[in-house]
Amino acid sequence: MKGLVQRVSEASVEVGGREISRIGAGILLLLGVEQGDGDKEAKDLCRKVLTYRIFPDDTGRMNRSVLDTDGALLVVPQFTLAADTSSGTRPGFSRAAGPDFAIDRYAAFLQFARADMGADRVAEGCFGADMKVSLINDGPVTFMLSTRDRHER
């Protein structure tokens, strides 16, 4: 499971010309589910995202997590994060989980996040929809997190 974490001052998702989610300060997470990911990977990535210290402390150093700052989390499903880009000029998607499997892992991730943060602080995109994602990246601060060991790729 992969997550592209972006520290934002605000972010939103629109589907079909209608805004479906919006957060203020916090994290926009683009979430990619790969074949073989299970609840363990969802829980591990969720823990890492929620505790990753990317927010400034009183001295300006990145020492605080989204939990520490009472920030929000917007989770957007993003199957293209599972793409194999190691060769050629066209991505391959053989590593990506199929839609039925991926939606279950996405739902599990949301469940873990809501259990740790509270439902009112977790917003979501729309699985399988053509989404328009807007954000103001604060910093900019962006990190790619993964549950897989780099040697497994």
N, C-alpha and C. Protein backbone atom coordinates (compact mmCIF):
# COMPACT_ATOMS: atom_id res chain seq x y z
N MET A 1 0.86 -1.17 0.00
CA MET A 1 0.00 0.00 0.00
C MET A 1 0.90 1.23 0.00
N LYS A 2 0.52 2.20 -0.80
CA LYS A 2 1.30 3.43 -0.93
C LYS A 2 0.42 4.62 -0.63
N GLY A 3 1.05 5.62 -0.04
CA GLY A 3 0.33 6.85 0.22
C GLY A 3 1.19 8.06 -0.08
N LEU A 4 0.67 8.96 -0.89
CA LEU A 4 1.33 10.23 -1.15
C LEU A 4 0.72 11.23 -0.18
N VAL A 5 1.52 11.66 0.79
CA VAL A 5 1.09 12.54 1.87
C VAL A 5 1.44 13.97 1.51
N GLN A 6 0.46 14.85 1.57
CA GLN A 6 0.70 16.26 1.32
C GLN A 6 0.16 17.08 2.49
N ARG A 7 1.01 17.88 3.08
CA ARG A 7 0.56 18.78 4.14
C ARG A 7 -0.16 19.93 3.46
N VAL A 8 -1.41 20.18 3.86
CA VAL A 8 -2.22 21.18 3.19
C VAL A 8 -2.79 22.18 4.19
N SER A 9 -3.04 23.38 3.68
CA SER A 9 -3.80 24.34 4.48
C SER A 9 -5.29 24.18 4.18
N GLU A 10 -5.61 23.58 3.03
CA GLU A 10 -6.98 23.18 2.70
C GLU A 10 -6.94 22.26 1.49
N ALA A 11 -7.99 21.44 1.37
CA ALA A 11 -8.11 20.53 0.23
C ALA A 11 -9.58 20.15 0.06
N SER A 12 -9.94 19.83 -1.18
CA SER A 12 -11.32 19.44 -1.46
C SER A 12 -11.37 18.48 -2.64
N VAL A 13 -12.51 17.78 -2.75
CA VAL A 13 -12.76 16.86 -3.85
C VAL A 13 -14.11 17.20 -4.45
N GLU A 14 -14.12 17.24 -5.79
CA GLU A 14 -15.35 17.51 -6.53
C GLU A 14 -15.60 16.33 -7.46
N VAL A 15 -16.86 15.91 -7.55
CA VAL A 15 -17.28 14.84 -8.47
C VAL A 15 -18.51 15.35 -9.21
N GLY A 16 -18.43 15.32 -10.53
CA GLY A 16 -19.57 15.75 -11.34
C GLY A 16 -19.97 17.19 -11.11
N GLY A 17 -19.00 18.03 -10.83
CA GLY A 17 -19.27 19.45 -10.61
C GLY A 17 -19.79 19.79 -9.22
N ARG A 18 -19.80 18.80 -8.32
CA ARG A 18 -20.31 19.02 -6.96
C ARG A 18 -19.23 18.67 -5.95
N GLU A 19 -18.99 19.57 -5.01
CA GLU A 19 -18.00 19.30 -3.97
C GLU A 19 -18.55 18.23 -3.02
N ILE A 20 -17.75 17.17 -2.81
CA ILE A 20 -18.19 16.09 -1.93
C ILE A 20 -17.42 16.05 -0.62
N SER A 21 -16.23 16.67 -0.58
CA SER A 21 -15.42 16.67 0.63
C SER A 21 -14.57 17.92 0.67
N ARG A 22 -14.31 18.39 1.89
CA ARG A 22 -13.43 19.54 2.09
C ARG A 22 -12.83 19.45 3.49
N ILE A 23 -11.54 19.78 3.59
CA ILE A 23 -10.89 19.90 4.89
C ILE A 23 -10.14 21.22 4.94
N GLY A 24 -9.84 21.64 6.15
CA GLY A 24 -8.94 22.77 6.37
C GLY A 24 -7.53 22.22 6.52
N ALA A 25 -6.78 22.75 7.45
CA ALA A 25 -5.39 22.33 7.66
C ALA A 25 -5.31 20.85 8.02
N GLY A 26 -4.35 20.18 7.42
CA GLY A 26 -4.15 18.76 7.71
C GLY A 26 -3.38 18.07 6.61
N ILE A 27 -3.84 16.88 6.25
CA ILE A 27 -3.17 16.03 5.27
C ILE A 27 -4.15 15.63 4.16
N LEU A 28 -3.69 15.79 2.92
CA LEU A 28 -4.36 15.16 1.78
C LEU A 28 -3.55 13.92 1.49
N LEU A 29 -4.20 12.76 1.53
CA LEU A 29 -3.54 11.49 1.28
C LEU A 29 -4.10 10.88 0.01
N LEU A 30 -3.24 10.68 -0.99
CA LEU A 30 -3.59 9.90 -2.18
C LEU A 30 -3.19 8.48 -1.86
N LEU A 31 -4.14 7.55 -1.88
CA LEU A 31 -3.92 6.19 -1.40
C LEU A 31 -3.98 5.19 -2.54
N GLY A 32 -2.90 4.43 -2.72
CA GLY A 32 -2.82 3.39 -3.74
C GLY A 32 -2.77 2.01 -3.11
N VAL A 33 -3.63 1.12 -3.59
CA VAL A 33 -3.69 -0.24 -3.07
C VAL A 33 -3.07 -1.18 -4.09
N GLU A 34 -2.13 -2.00 -3.61
CA GLU A 34 -1.44 -2.95 -4.48
C GLU A 34 -1.93 -4.37 -4.20
N GLN A 35 -1.71 -5.25 -5.15
CA GLN A 35 -2.05 -6.66 -4.96
C GLN A 35 -1.35 -7.16 -3.71
N GLY A 36 -2.06 -7.96 -2.93
CA GLY A 36 -1.48 -8.54 -1.73
C GLY A 36 -1.62 -7.68 -0.49
N ASP A 37 -2.08 -6.44 -0.63
CA ASP A 37 -2.31 -5.59 0.54
C ASP A 37 -3.51 -6.12 1.30
N GLY A 38 -3.41 -6.09 2.62
CA GLY A 38 -4.51 -6.54 3.46
C GLY A 38 -4.78 -5.52 4.55
N ASP A 39 -5.55 -5.94 5.54
CA ASP A 39 -5.86 -5.05 6.65
C ASP A 39 -4.60 -4.65 7.41
N LYS A 40 -3.62 -5.54 7.48
CA LYS A 40 -2.37 -5.20 8.16
C LYS A 40 -1.69 -4.02 7.48
N GLU A 41 -1.62 -4.05 6.16
CA GLU A 41 -0.99 -2.94 5.43
C GLU A 41 -1.80 -1.65 5.60
N ALA A 42 -3.13 -1.78 5.57
CA ALA A 42 -3.98 -0.60 5.77
C ALA A 42 -3.75 0.00 7.15
N LYS A 43 -3.69 -0.84 8.15
CA LYS A 43 -3.49 -0.36 9.53
C LYS A 43 -2.09 0.22 9.70
N ASP A 44 -1.08 -0.45 9.15
CA ASP A 44 0.30 0.04 9.28
C ASP A 44 0.48 1.38 8.58
N LEU A 45 -0.07 1.52 7.37
CA LEU A 45 0.07 2.78 6.66
C LEU A 45 -0.71 3.88 7.36
N CYS A 46 -1.88 3.56 7.86
CA CYS A 46 -2.68 4.54 8.59
C CYS A 46 -1.91 5.05 9.80
N ARG A 47 -1.35 4.15 10.58
CA ARG A 47 -0.56 4.55 11.76
C ARG A 47 0.57 5.47 11.36
N LYS A 48 1.26 5.11 10.27
CA LYS A 48 2.40 5.92 9.83
C LYS A 48 1.95 7.30 9.37
N VAL A 49 0.87 7.37 8.59
CA VAL A 49 0.37 8.65 8.10
C VAL A 49 -0.03 9.54 9.28
N LEU A 50 -0.77 8.98 10.22
CA LEU A 50 -1.29 9.78 11.32
C LEU A 50 -0.22 10.22 12.31
N THR A 51 0.88 9.49 12.39
CA THR A 51 1.94 9.83 13.34
C THR A 51 3.17 10.45 12.68
N TYR A 52 3.17 10.55 11.36
CA TYR A 52 4.32 11.11 10.63
C TYR A 52 4.46 12.59 10.99
N ARG A 53 5.64 12.97 11.42
CA ARG A 53 5.85 14.32 11.94
C ARG A 53 6.24 15.27 10.81
N ILE A 54 5.21 15.93 10.25
CA ILE A 54 5.42 16.84 9.12
C ILE A 54 4.91 18.24 9.40
N PHE A 55 4.43 18.47 10.62
CA PHE A 55 3.92 19.79 10.99
C PHE A 55 4.91 20.46 11.93
N PRO A 56 5.05 21.78 11.82
CA PRO A 56 6.06 22.48 12.61
C PRO A 56 5.70 22.58 14.10
N ASP A 57 6.74 22.51 14.92
CA ASP A 57 6.57 22.78 16.35
C ASP A 57 6.78 24.28 16.58
N ASP A 58 6.93 24.69 17.81
CA ASP A 58 7.08 26.10 18.13
C ASP A 58 8.37 26.71 17.59
N THR A 59 9.35 25.85 17.27
CA THR A 59 10.62 26.35 16.73
C THR A 59 10.68 26.26 15.21
N GLY A 60 9.59 25.75 14.60
CA GLY A 60 9.56 25.64 13.14
C GLY A 60 10.05 24.32 12.60
N ARG A 61 10.48 23.41 13.46
CA ARG A 61 10.94 22.09 13.01
C ARG A 61 9.76 21.15 12.85
N MET A 62 9.86 20.24 11.88
CA MET A 62 8.79 19.27 11.65
C MET A 62 8.84 18.21 12.75
N ASN A 63 8.12 18.46 13.82
CA ASN A 63 8.11 17.56 14.98
C ASN A 63 6.71 17.18 15.43
N ARG A 64 5.68 17.58 14.69
CA ARG A 64 4.31 17.30 15.10
C ARG A 64 3.57 16.55 14.01
N SER A 65 2.69 15.66 14.44
CA SER A 65 1.87 14.86 13.51
C SER A 65 0.51 15.51 13.34
N VAL A 66 -0.28 14.98 12.42
CA VAL A 66 -1.64 15.48 12.23
C VAL A 66 -2.46 15.24 13.50
N LEU A 67 -2.16 14.20 14.24
CA LEU A 67 -2.84 13.95 15.51
C LEU A 67 -2.48 15.02 16.53
N ASP A 68 -1.20 15.40 16.55
CA ASP A 68 -0.73 16.43 17.50
C ASP A 68 -1.34 17.79 17.23
N THR A 69 -1.66 18.06 15.98
CA THR A 69 -2.14 19.39 15.59
C THR A 69 -3.66 19.48 15.51
N ASP A 70 -4.34 18.38 15.77
CA ASP A 70 -5.80 18.32 15.62
C ASP A 70 -6.21 18.66 14.19
N GLY A 71 -5.34 18.32 13.23
CA GLY A 71 -5.64 18.55 11.82
C GLY A 71 -6.62 17.53 11.28
N ALA A 72 -6.97 17.70 10.03
CA ALA A 72 -7.92 16.81 9.35
C ALA A 72 -7.19 15.94 8.34
N LEU A 73 -7.88 14.93 7.85
CA LEU A 73 -7.33 14.01 6.86
C LEU A 73 -8.35 13.83 5.75
N LEU A 74 -7.91 14.03 4.51
CA LEU A 74 -8.74 13.76 3.33
C LEU A 74 -8.06 12.63 2.57
N VAL A 75 -8.74 11.50 2.45
CA VAL A 75 -8.19 10.30 1.81
C VAL A 75 -8.84 10.13 0.44
N VAL A 76 -8.00 10.13 -0.60
CA VAL A 76 -8.48 10.03 -1.97
C VAL A 76 -7.89 8.76 -2.60
N PRO A 77 -8.73 7.83 -3.08
CA PRO A 77 -8.21 6.63 -3.73
C PRO A 77 -7.49 7.00 -5.03
N GLN A 78 -6.31 6.40 -5.24
CA GLN A 78 -5.48 6.77 -6.38
C GLN A 78 -4.75 5.53 -6.90
N PHE A 79 -5.43 4.77 -7.76
CA PHE A 79 -4.85 3.51 -8.22
C PHE A 79 -3.55 3.70 -9.01
N THR A 80 -3.34 4.86 -9.61
CA THR A 80 -2.13 5.07 -10.41
C THR A 80 -0.86 5.07 -9.56
N LEU A 81 -0.98 5.20 -8.24
CA LEU A 81 0.21 5.12 -7.39
C LEU A 81 0.83 3.73 -7.41
N ALA A 82 0.04 2.73 -7.76
CA ALA A 82 0.54 1.36 -7.82
C ALA A 82 1.17 1.03 -9.18
N ALA A 83 1.29 2.01 -10.05
CA ALA A 83 1.83 1.77 -11.39
C ALA A 83 3.30 1.38 -11.36
N ASP A 84 3.68 0.52 -12.29
CA ASP A 84 5.08 0.18 -12.53
C ASP A 84 5.58 1.14 -13.60
N THR A 85 6.52 1.98 -13.21
CA THR A 85 7.06 2.98 -14.14
C THR A 85 8.54 2.72 -14.43
N SER A 86 8.97 1.48 -14.18
CA SER A 86 10.40 1.17 -14.28
C SER A 86 10.93 1.09 -15.70
N SER A 87 10.06 0.93 -16.67
CA SER A 87 10.57 0.87 -18.04
C SER A 87 9.55 1.46 -19.00
N GLY A 88 10.06 1.90 -20.13
CA GLY A 88 9.19 2.42 -21.17
C GLY A 88 8.60 3.78 -20.84
N THR A 89 7.63 4.16 -21.65
CA THR A 89 7.00 5.46 -21.48
C THR A 89 5.51 5.36 -21.20
N ARG A 90 5.08 4.15 -20.85
CA ARG A 90 3.68 3.95 -20.49
C ARG A 90 3.65 3.16 -19.19
N PRO A 91 2.89 3.62 -18.20
CA PRO A 91 2.85 2.89 -16.93
C PRO A 91 2.13 1.56 -17.07
N GLY A 92 2.56 0.59 -16.29
CA GLY A 92 1.88 -0.70 -16.22
C GLY A 92 1.15 -0.80 -14.90
N PHE A 93 0.01 -1.46 -14.91
CA PHE A 93 -0.80 -1.52 -13.70
C PHE A 93 -0.97 -2.93 -13.14
N SER A 94 -0.03 -3.82 -13.46
CA SER A 94 -0.13 -5.20 -12.99
C SER A 94 0.02 -5.30 -11.48
N ARG A 95 0.63 -4.32 -10.82
CA ARG A 95 0.78 -4.34 -9.37
C ARG A 95 -0.45 -3.83 -8.64
N ALA A 96 -1.30 -3.11 -9.33
CA ALA A 96 -2.48 -2.51 -8.70
C ALA A 96 -3.50 -3.59 -8.35
N ALA A 97 -4.14 -3.42 -7.20
CA ALA A 97 -5.20 -4.33 -6.80
C ALA A 97 -6.43 -4.09 -7.68
N GLY A 98 -7.20 -5.14 -7.91
CA GLY A 98 -8.45 -5.00 -8.65
C GLY A 98 -9.44 -4.15 -7.86
N PRO A 99 -10.42 -3.58 -8.54
CA PRO A 99 -11.35 -2.65 -7.89
C PRO A 99 -12.09 -3.23 -6.68
N ASP A 100 -12.59 -4.46 -6.78
CA ASP A 100 -13.34 -5.04 -5.66
C ASP A 100 -12.47 -5.21 -4.42
N PHE A 101 -11.24 -5.65 -4.63
CA PHE A 101 -10.30 -5.82 -3.52
C PHE A 101 -9.86 -4.46 -2.99
N ALA A 102 -9.54 -3.55 -3.89
CA ALA A 102 -9.02 -2.24 -3.49
C ALA A 102 -10.04 -1.43 -2.69
N ILE A 103 -11.30 -1.49 -3.07
CA ILE A 103 -12.31 -0.71 -2.33
C ILE A 103 -12.44 -1.20 -0.89
N ASP A 104 -12.26 -2.49 -0.67
CA ASP A 104 -12.29 -3.03 0.69
C ASP A 104 -11.10 -2.53 1.52
N ARG A 105 -9.91 -2.48 0.90
CA ARG A 105 -8.73 -1.98 1.62
C ARG A 105 -8.85 -0.47 1.88
N TYR A 106 -9.42 0.25 0.92
CA TYR A 106 -9.66 1.68 1.08
C TYR A 106 -10.63 1.91 2.25
N ALA A 107 -11.69 1.14 2.30
CA ALA A 107 -12.67 1.25 3.39
C ALA A 107 -12.03 0.90 4.73
N ALA A 108 -11.17 -0.11 4.74
CA ALA A 108 -10.48 -0.49 5.98
C ALA A 108 -9.59 0.65 6.45
N PHE A 109 -8.86 1.27 5.52
CA PHE A 109 -8.00 2.40 5.88
C PHE A 109 -8.84 3.51 6.52
N LEU A 110 -9.96 3.85 5.90
CA LEU A 110 -10.84 4.89 6.44
C LEU A 110 -11.34 4.52 7.83
N GLN A 111 -11.69 3.27 8.03
CA GLN A 111 -12.17 2.82 9.33
C GLN A 111 -11.09 2.99 10.40
N PHE A 112 -9.85 2.61 10.08
CA PHE A 112 -8.75 2.77 11.03
C PHE A 112 -8.51 4.24 11.34
N ALA A 113 -8.53 5.08 10.30
CA ALA A 113 -8.30 6.51 10.49
C ALA A 113 -9.39 7.13 11.37
N ARG A 114 -10.62 6.78 11.11
CA ARG A 114 -11.73 7.34 11.90
C ARG A 114 -11.69 6.86 13.35
N ALA A 115 -11.24 5.64 13.56
CA ALA A 115 -11.11 5.13 14.92
C ALA A 115 -10.04 5.91 15.70
N ASP A 116 -8.97 6.29 15.03
CA ASP A 116 -7.87 7.00 15.69
C ASP A 116 -8.09 8.51 15.78
N MET A 117 -8.77 9.10 14.80
CA MET A 117 -8.91 10.55 14.73
C MET A 117 -10.29 11.06 15.11
N GLY A 118 -11.29 10.22 14.94
CA GLY A 118 -12.67 10.65 15.07
C GLY A 118 -13.24 10.87 13.68
N ALA A 119 -14.48 10.48 13.49
CA ALA A 119 -15.10 10.53 12.16
C ALA A 119 -15.18 11.94 11.61
N ASP A 120 -15.33 12.93 12.46
CA ASP A 120 -15.50 14.31 12.00
C ASP A 120 -14.22 14.91 11.43
N ARG A 121 -13.07 14.28 11.66
CA ARG A 121 -11.80 14.80 11.15
C ARG A 121 -11.30 14.07 9.92
N VAL A 122 -12.05 13.06 9.43
CA VAL A 122 -11.64 12.27 8.27
C VAL A 122 -12.66 12.43 7.15
N ALA A 123 -12.18 12.91 6.00
CA ALA A 123 -13.02 13.07 4.81
C ALA A 123 -12.51 12.11 3.74
N GLU A 124 -13.32 11.89 2.72
CA GLU A 124 -12.91 10.93 1.69
C GLU A 124 -13.31 11.37 0.30
N GLY A 125 -12.57 10.80 -0.65
CA GLY A 125 -12.91 10.96 -2.05
C GLY A 125 -13.97 9.94 -2.42
N CYS A 126 -14.14 9.69 -3.70
CA CYS A 126 -15.16 8.75 -4.18
C CYS A 126 -14.47 7.68 -5.02
N PHE A 127 -14.44 6.48 -4.51
CA PHE A 127 -13.75 5.38 -5.18
C PHE A 127 -14.33 5.16 -6.57
N GLY A 128 -13.46 5.12 -7.57
CA GLY A 128 -13.85 4.82 -8.95
C GLY A 128 -14.41 5.99 -9.73
N ALA A 129 -14.54 7.14 -9.09
CA ALA A 129 -15.11 8.31 -9.77
C ALA A 129 -14.01 9.15 -10.42
N ASP A 130 -14.41 9.96 -11.39
CA ASP A 130 -13.52 10.97 -11.96
C ASP A 130 -13.59 12.17 -11.02
N MET A 131 -12.54 12.34 -10.24
CA MET A 131 -12.52 13.37 -9.21
C MET A 131 -11.65 14.54 -9.63
N LYS A 132 -12.03 15.70 -9.18
CA LYS A 132 -11.21 16.90 -9.30
C LYS A 132 -10.75 17.24 -7.89
N VAL A 133 -9.45 17.12 -7.65
CA VAL A 133 -8.89 17.35 -6.33
C VAL A 133 -8.19 18.70 -6.32
N SER A 134 -8.57 19.53 -5.37
CA SER A 134 -7.94 20.84 -5.22
C SER A 134 -7.24 20.89 -3.87
N LEU A 135 -6.10 21.56 -3.85
CA LEU A 135 -5.37 21.66 -2.59
C LEU A 135 -4.47 22.88 -2.59
N ILE A 136 -4.17 23.31 -1.42
CA ILE A 136 -3.09 24.28 -1.21
C ILE A 136 -2.07 23.55 -0.37
N ASN A 137 -0.97 23.15 -1.04
CA ASN A 137 0.10 22.40 -0.38
C ASN A 137 0.87 23.39 0.49
N ASP A 138 0.94 23.10 1.77
CA ASP A 138 1.59 23.96 2.74
C ASP A 138 3.05 23.61 2.85
N GLY A 139 3.91 24.44 2.33
CA GLY A 139 5.35 24.21 2.41
C GLY A 139 6.08 24.51 1.12
N PRO A 140 5.98 23.75 0.10
CA PRO A 140 5.24 22.49 -0.03
C PRO A 140 5.91 21.36 0.74
N VAL A 141 5.09 20.52 1.32
CA VAL A 141 5.56 19.34 2.04
C VAL A 141 4.83 18.14 1.48
N THR A 142 5.58 17.22 0.86
CA THR A 142 5.01 16.02 0.22
C THR A 142 5.95 14.84 0.45
N PHE A 143 5.39 13.71 0.87
CA PHE A 143 6.18 12.49 1.09
C PHE A 143 5.43 11.28 0.54
N MET A 144 6.20 10.32 0.01
CA MET A 144 5.64 9.04 -0.42
C MET A 144 5.93 8.03 0.69
N LEU A 145 4.88 7.43 1.22
CA LEU A 145 5.02 6.40 2.25
C LEU A 145 4.54 5.08 1.66
N SER A 146 5.14 3.99 2.12
CA SER A 146 4.79 2.68 1.60
C SER A 146 4.90 1.65 2.71
N THR A 147 4.06 0.63 2.64
CA THR A 147 4.16 -0.47 3.61
C THR A 147 5.11 -1.54 3.14
N ARG A 148 5.54 -1.46 1.90
CA ARG A 148 6.44 -2.49 1.36
C ARG A 148 7.89 -2.09 1.56
N ASP A 149 8.70 -3.06 1.84
CA ASP A 149 10.13 -2.83 1.94
C ASP A 149 10.65 -2.49 0.56
N ARG A 150 11.59 -1.57 0.48
CA ARG A 150 12.10 -1.16 -0.83
C ARG A 150 12.74 -2.29 -1.60
N HIS A 151 13.15 -3.34 -0.92
CA HIS A 151 13.77 -4.48 -1.61
C HIS A 151 12.73 -5.41 -2.24
N GLU A 152 11.45 -5.26 -1.87
CA GLU A 152 10.40 -6.12 -2.40
C GLU A 152 9.93 -5.65 -3.77
N ARG A 153 10.30 -4.46 -4.18
CA ARG A 153 9.76 -3.90 -5.43
C ARG A 153 10.43 -4.44 -6.61
